[in-house]
Amino acid sequence: MLLAIDVGNTNIKFALCDGGEIRTRWRIATDPRRTADQYAVWLVQLLELEGFARSDVTDVVISTVVPRALHNLQLLSSKYFGVEALIAGKAPLEWGIALDVEEPASVGADRAVNAIAAHAAHRGDLITISFGTATTIDHIDYTGAYKGGLIAPGLNLSLDALVAAAAKLPRIAIEAPAGTTVVGRTTESQMLIGIYWGYVAMIEGLLARMKAEIGRPVTVVATGGLAVLFQQHSDLFDAVDPDLTLRGLALMWERTRN
């Protein structure tokens, strides 16, 4: 089976894939100092809890936006699973799509992998939205080419900056407001409304501008842990796939086998 690893700035997601299907998944906070041995102690126990053995892992693929974390994950693969990890964007795990931007080498691995997965699942022009440390919104055209996009501060990052800069504001949990009012009656509710509905308004506006610029029918695909949260009170997305990046990695790996 394939172990797909998606390294983000905040979390690393691991998924065990078999026949194109994700059998199980786990996540851990991103820490470039974490050693291969530490990953192994954690991951092998989780495999066993799900009824799998270390020997069930026959291949490993990695996508990362944190270069410092890569070496120890490669060492995890070679030392504990006995295979050399394939790295997204490097031979033989080439993108296989056009990166039609001015600086193709600077495109984040997660954004390219998301483009691959979204194009495989949907026809026509696409917009992918990924809610992570940053929020990225990207255009993939009907041929599957990555055409560019935008980067905005992530929701947690925005909230952290607000709380850090305003001495009297409390730290609140990120959740969908109970209703649709934008007139809060407590400090906490006002913060939640401002963060949530402010972010919805930003996404609505950016999607409208991007759709107008594309000028063709577009399918909007969202990923990341907060995607479902924003779909509760709005109709922003046509599809939500929390595993989009992991599915893209599995697709890229399958391509190398054909």
Protein backbone atom coordinates (compact mmCIF):
# COMPACT_ATOMS: atom_id res chain seq x y z
CA MET A 1 0.00 0.00 0.00
CA LEU A 2 0.97 3.61 -0.53
CA LEU A 3 1.80 5.98 2.32
CA ALA A 4 1.05 9.52 1.12
CA ILE A 5 2.50 12.38 3.17
CA ASP A 6 1.37 15.99 2.75
CA VAL A 7 3.59 18.44 4.67
CA GLY A 8 1.94 21.79 5.36
CA ASN A 9 3.18 24.73 7.37
CA THR A 10 0.92 23.85 10.31
CA ASN A 11 0.22 20.12 10.04
CA ILE A 12 1.53 17.01 8.30
CA LYS A 13 -1.12 14.63 6.97
CA PHE A 14 -0.40 10.93 6.47
CA ALA A 15 -2.73 8.64 4.53
CA LEU A 16 -2.61 4.93 3.74
CA CYS A 17 -3.92 4.38 0.21
CA ASP A 18 -4.88 1.14 -1.48
CA GLY A 19 -6.20 0.89 -5.02
CA GLY A 20 -6.75 4.63 -5.23
CA GLU A 21 -8.81 4.69 -2.02
CA ILE A 22 -7.74 6.25 1.26
CA ARG A 23 -8.00 3.55 3.90
CA THR A 24 -7.07 5.69 6.89
CA ARG A 25 -5.44 9.02 7.68
CA TRP A 26 -3.66 10.80 10.52
CA ARG A 27 -2.18 14.23 11.17
CA ILE A 28 0.53 15.66 13.38
CA ALA A 29 1.81 19.19 13.97
CA THR A 30 4.61 20.20 11.61
CA ASP A 31 7.97 20.34 13.38
CA PRO A 32 11.10 20.22 11.20
CA ARG A 33 13.10 19.09 14.24
CA ARG A 34 11.08 15.88 14.61
CA THR A 35 13.34 12.93 13.81
CA ALA A 36 12.64 9.88 11.68
CA ASP A 37 12.68 7.76 14.86
CA GLN A 38 10.03 9.96 16.48
CA TYR A 39 7.82 9.77 13.39
CA ALA A 40 8.21 5.98 13.37
CA VAL A 41 7.23 5.48 17.02
CA TRP A 42 4.06 7.51 16.45
CA LEU A 43 3.14 6.21 13.01
CA VAL A 44 3.81 2.49 13.50
CA GLN A 45 1.58 2.48 16.59
CA LEU A 46 -1.21 4.16 14.64
CA LEU A 47 -0.86 1.66 11.82
CA GLU A 48 -1.22 -1.20 14.30
CA LEU A 49 -4.26 0.41 15.94
CA GLU A 50 -5.94 0.46 12.52
CA GLY A 51 -5.05 -3.21 11.91
CA PHE A 52 -2.10 -2.65 9.56
CA ALA A 53 1.54 -3.71 9.80
CA ARG A 54 4.62 -1.71 8.92
CA SER A 55 5.28 -4.21 6.11
CA ASP A 56 1.97 -3.23 4.47
CA VAL A 57 3.59 0.03 3.34
CA THR A 58 5.32 -0.67 0.01
CA ASP A 59 5.66 2.87 -1.37
CA VAL A 60 5.92 6.40 0.01
CA VAL A 61 5.21 9.73 -1.69
CA ILE A 62 5.76 13.15 -0.15
CA SER A 63 4.53 16.64 -0.99
CA THR A 64 6.02 19.43 1.10
CA VAL A 65 6.00 23.20 1.44
CA VAL A 66 8.44 22.95 4.37
CA PRO A 67 11.84 21.99 2.91
CA ARG A 68 13.44 21.53 6.35
CA ALA A 69 11.00 18.73 7.16
CA LEU A 70 11.79 16.67 4.08
CA HIS A 71 15.03 14.96 5.09
CA ASN A 72 13.66 13.28 8.21
CA LEU A 73 10.59 12.06 6.33
CA GLN A 74 12.81 10.59 3.63
CA LEU A 75 14.80 8.89 6.38
CA LEU A 76 11.56 7.58 7.90
CA SER A 77 10.72 6.00 4.55
CA SER A 78 14.11 4.38 3.95
CA LYS A 79 14.86 3.29 7.53
CA TYR A 80 11.46 2.06 8.67
CA PHE A 81 9.64 1.12 5.45
CA GLY A 82 12.61 0.09 3.33
CA VAL A 83 11.73 2.25 0.33
CA GLU A 84 13.01 5.49 -1.17
CA ALA A 85 10.29 8.12 -0.98
CA LEU A 86 9.15 9.79 -4.19
CA ILE A 87 8.94 13.58 -3.98
CA ALA A 88 6.14 15.46 -5.76
CA GLY A 89 7.53 17.55 -8.58
CA LYS A 90 10.81 15.62 -8.87
CA ALA A 91 11.51 12.76 -11.26
CA PRO A 92 9.93 10.30 -11.58
CA LEU A 93 7.00 12.03 -9.83
CA GLU A 94 6.76 14.93 -12.28
CA TRP A 95 3.72 17.21 -12.19
CA GLY A 96 2.43 16.11 -15.57
CA ILE A 97 0.54 19.41 -15.96
CA ALA A 98 1.51 22.81 -17.34
CA LEU A 99 2.41 25.40 -14.70
CA ASP A 100 1.43 28.39 -16.82
CA VAL A 101 2.81 31.14 -14.57
CA GLU A 102 5.85 33.44 -14.67
CA GLU A 103 7.76 31.51 -11.99
CA PRO A 104 6.77 27.80 -12.25
CA ALA A 105 9.44 26.72 -9.78
CA SER A 106 7.88 28.85 -7.06
CA VAL A 107 4.44 27.19 -7.22
CA GLY A 108 3.75 25.45 -3.91
CA ALA A 109 3.73 21.66 -4.16
CA ASP A 110 0.32 21.47 -2.47
CA ARG A 111 -1.21 23.82 -5.03
CA ALA A 112 0.11 21.81 -7.98
CA VAL A 113 -1.03 18.53 -6.42
CA ASN A 114 -4.48 20.01 -5.71
CA ALA A 115 -4.72 21.05 -9.36
CA ILE A 116 -3.97 17.49 -10.47
CA ALA A 117 -6.59 15.99 -8.14
CA ALA A 118 -9.28 18.55 -8.97
CA HIS A 119 -8.80 18.19 -12.74
CA ALA A 120 -9.04 14.40 -12.44
CA ALA A 121 -12.37 14.69 -10.59
CA HIS A 122 -14.09 17.56 -12.43
CA ARG A 123 -14.44 18.77 -16.00
CA GLY A 124 -13.97 22.28 -17.32
CA ASP A 125 -12.36 25.26 -15.66
CA LEU A 126 -11.81 24.97 -11.93
CA ILE A 127 -11.07 27.15 -8.94
CA THR A 128 -9.50 25.41 -5.97
CA ILE A 129 -9.55 26.96 -2.50
CA SER A 130 -7.25 25.56 0.17
CA PHE A 131 -7.72 26.61 3.79
CA GLY A 132 -4.40 26.22 5.56
CA THR A 133 -1.88 28.47 7.26
CA ALA A 134 -2.53 30.65 4.23
CA THR A 135 -5.68 30.57 2.15
CA THR A 136 -4.88 29.99 -1.52
CA ILE A 137 -7.30 30.36 -4.41
CA ASP A 138 -6.14 28.98 -7.76
CA HIS A 139 -7.38 28.69 -11.33
CA ILE A 140 -6.96 25.44 -13.25
CA ASP A 141 -8.20 25.66 -16.84
CA TYR A 142 -10.14 23.03 -18.78
CA THR A 143 -6.92 21.44 -20.05
CA GLY A 144 -5.65 20.88 -16.50
CA ALA A 145 -3.05 23.66 -16.66
CA TYR A 146 -2.34 25.63 -13.50
CA LYS A 147 -2.90 29.28 -14.45
CA GLY A 148 -2.09 31.05 -11.18
CA GLY A 149 -4.05 32.39 -8.25
CA LEU A 150 -3.73 34.33 -5.03
CA ILE A 151 -2.54 33.97 -1.46
CA ALA A 152 -4.33 35.47 1.55
CA PRO A 153 -3.70 35.15 5.30
CA GLY A 154 -5.28 32.03 6.76
CA LEU A 155 -8.15 32.29 9.21
CA ASN A 156 -6.13 31.11 12.22
CA LEU A 157 -3.30 33.45 11.28
CA SER A 158 -5.71 36.39 11.10
CA LEU A 159 -7.25 35.54 14.45
CA ASP A 160 -3.83 35.10 16.10
CA ALA A 161 -2.74 38.52 14.82
CA LEU A 162 -5.92 40.15 16.11
CA VAL A 163 -5.60 38.65 19.59
CA ALA A 164 -1.87 39.42 19.80
CA ALA A 165 -2.31 43.06 18.81
CA ALA A 166 -5.40 43.87 20.94
CA ALA A 167 -4.67 43.44 24.65
CA LYS A 168 -8.27 43.10 25.83
CA LEU A 169 -9.56 40.70 23.18
CA PRO A 170 -9.86 37.06 24.31
CA ARG A 171 -8.78 34.02 22.35
CA ILE A 172 -11.85 32.33 20.86
CA ALA A 173 -12.48 29.03 19.15
CA ILE A 174 -13.09 29.13 15.43
CA GLU A 175 -16.58 27.92 14.65
CA ALA A 176 -19.58 28.86 12.57
CA PRO A 177 -21.81 31.46 14.27
CA ALA A 178 -25.16 30.21 15.52
CA GLY A 179 -27.05 32.39 13.06
CA THR A 180 -26.58 34.82 10.19
CA THR A 181 -26.68 38.09 12.12
CA VAL A 182 -23.70 40.39 11.81
CA VAL A 183 -24.62 42.40 14.91
CA GLY A 184 -22.96 40.73 17.88
CA ARG A 185 -23.96 41.54 21.45
CA THR A 186 -20.86 40.28 23.28
CA THR A 187 -17.16 40.76 22.61
CA GLU A 188 -16.75 37.07 21.77
CA SER A 189 -19.71 37.00 19.38
CA GLN A 190 -18.51 40.18 17.67
CA MET A 191 -15.09 38.65 17.14
CA LEU A 192 -16.57 35.44 15.78
CA ILE A 193 -18.88 37.34 13.43
CA GLY A 194 -16.05 39.55 12.21
CA ILE A 195 -13.72 36.64 11.56
CA TYR A 196 -16.30 34.28 10.05
CA TRP A 197 -18.50 36.58 7.99
CA GLY A 198 -15.57 38.82 7.11
CA TYR A 199 -13.82 35.79 5.67
CA VAL A 200 -16.97 34.67 3.82
CA ALA A 201 -17.28 38.13 2.29
CA MET A 202 -13.63 38.06 1.23
CA ILE A 203 -14.03 34.65 -0.43
CA GLU A 204 -17.28 35.66 -2.14
CA GLY A 205 -15.65 38.80 -3.53
CA LEU A 206 -12.49 37.07 -4.70
CA LEU A 207 -14.43 34.23 -6.32
CA ALA A 208 -16.68 36.71 -8.14
CA ARG A 209 -13.68 38.62 -9.48
CA MET A 210 -11.83 35.47 -10.52
CA LYS A 211 -14.89 33.98 -12.25
CA ALA A 212 -15.41 37.24 -14.16
CA GLU A 213 -11.78 37.22 -15.24
CA ILE A 214 -11.94 33.58 -16.40
CA GLY A 215 -15.10 34.28 -18.37
CA ARG A 216 -16.24 30.64 -18.61
CA PRO A 217 -18.31 28.34 -16.36
CA VAL A 218 -16.24 27.35 -13.34
CA THR A 219 -16.47 24.61 -10.70
CA VAL A 220 -15.22 25.64 -7.25
CA VAL A 221 -13.52 22.91 -5.20
CA ALA A 222 -12.52 23.54 -1.57
CA THR A 223 -10.13 21.64 0.66
CA GLY A 224 -8.64 22.03 4.11
CA GLY A 225 -10.15 21.55 7.54
CA LEU A 226 -12.13 24.81 7.52
CA ALA A 227 -13.83 24.25 4.17
CA VAL A 228 -16.79 22.44 5.73
CA LEU A 229 -17.12 25.20 8.33
CA PHE A 230 -17.62 27.86 5.68
CA GLN A 231 -20.12 25.76 3.77
CA GLN A 232 -22.50 25.66 6.76
CA HIS A 233 -23.99 29.15 6.30
CA SER A 234 -23.13 29.82 2.69
CA ASP A 235 -23.04 28.32 -0.77
CA LEU A 236 -19.47 29.16 -1.70
CA PHE A 237 -18.28 25.85 -3.12
CA ASP A 238 -19.52 23.29 -5.62
CA ALA A 239 -17.53 20.51 -3.95
CA VAL A 240 -15.61 20.03 -0.70
CA ASP A 241 -12.80 17.45 -0.54
CA PRO A 242 -10.69 17.51 2.65
CA ASP A 243 -8.40 14.88 1.11
CA LEU A 244 -7.74 16.67 -2.18
CA THR A 245 -3.95 16.88 -1.77
CA LEU A 246 -3.64 13.28 -0.60
CA ARG A 247 -5.75 12.11 -3.54
CA GLY A 248 -3.52 14.08 -5.90
CA LEU A 249 -0.43 12.39 -4.48
CA ALA A 250 -2.01 8.97 -4.97
CA LEU A 251 -2.90 9.87 -8.57
CA MET A 252 0.66 10.99 -9.29
CA TRP A 253 2.03 7.76 -7.84
CA GLU A 254 -0.40 5.66 -9.91
CA ARG A 255 0.81 7.48 -13.01
CA THR A 256 4.41 6.40 -12.40
CA ARG A 257 3.28 2.77 -12.40
CA ASN A 258 1.69 2.92 -15.86
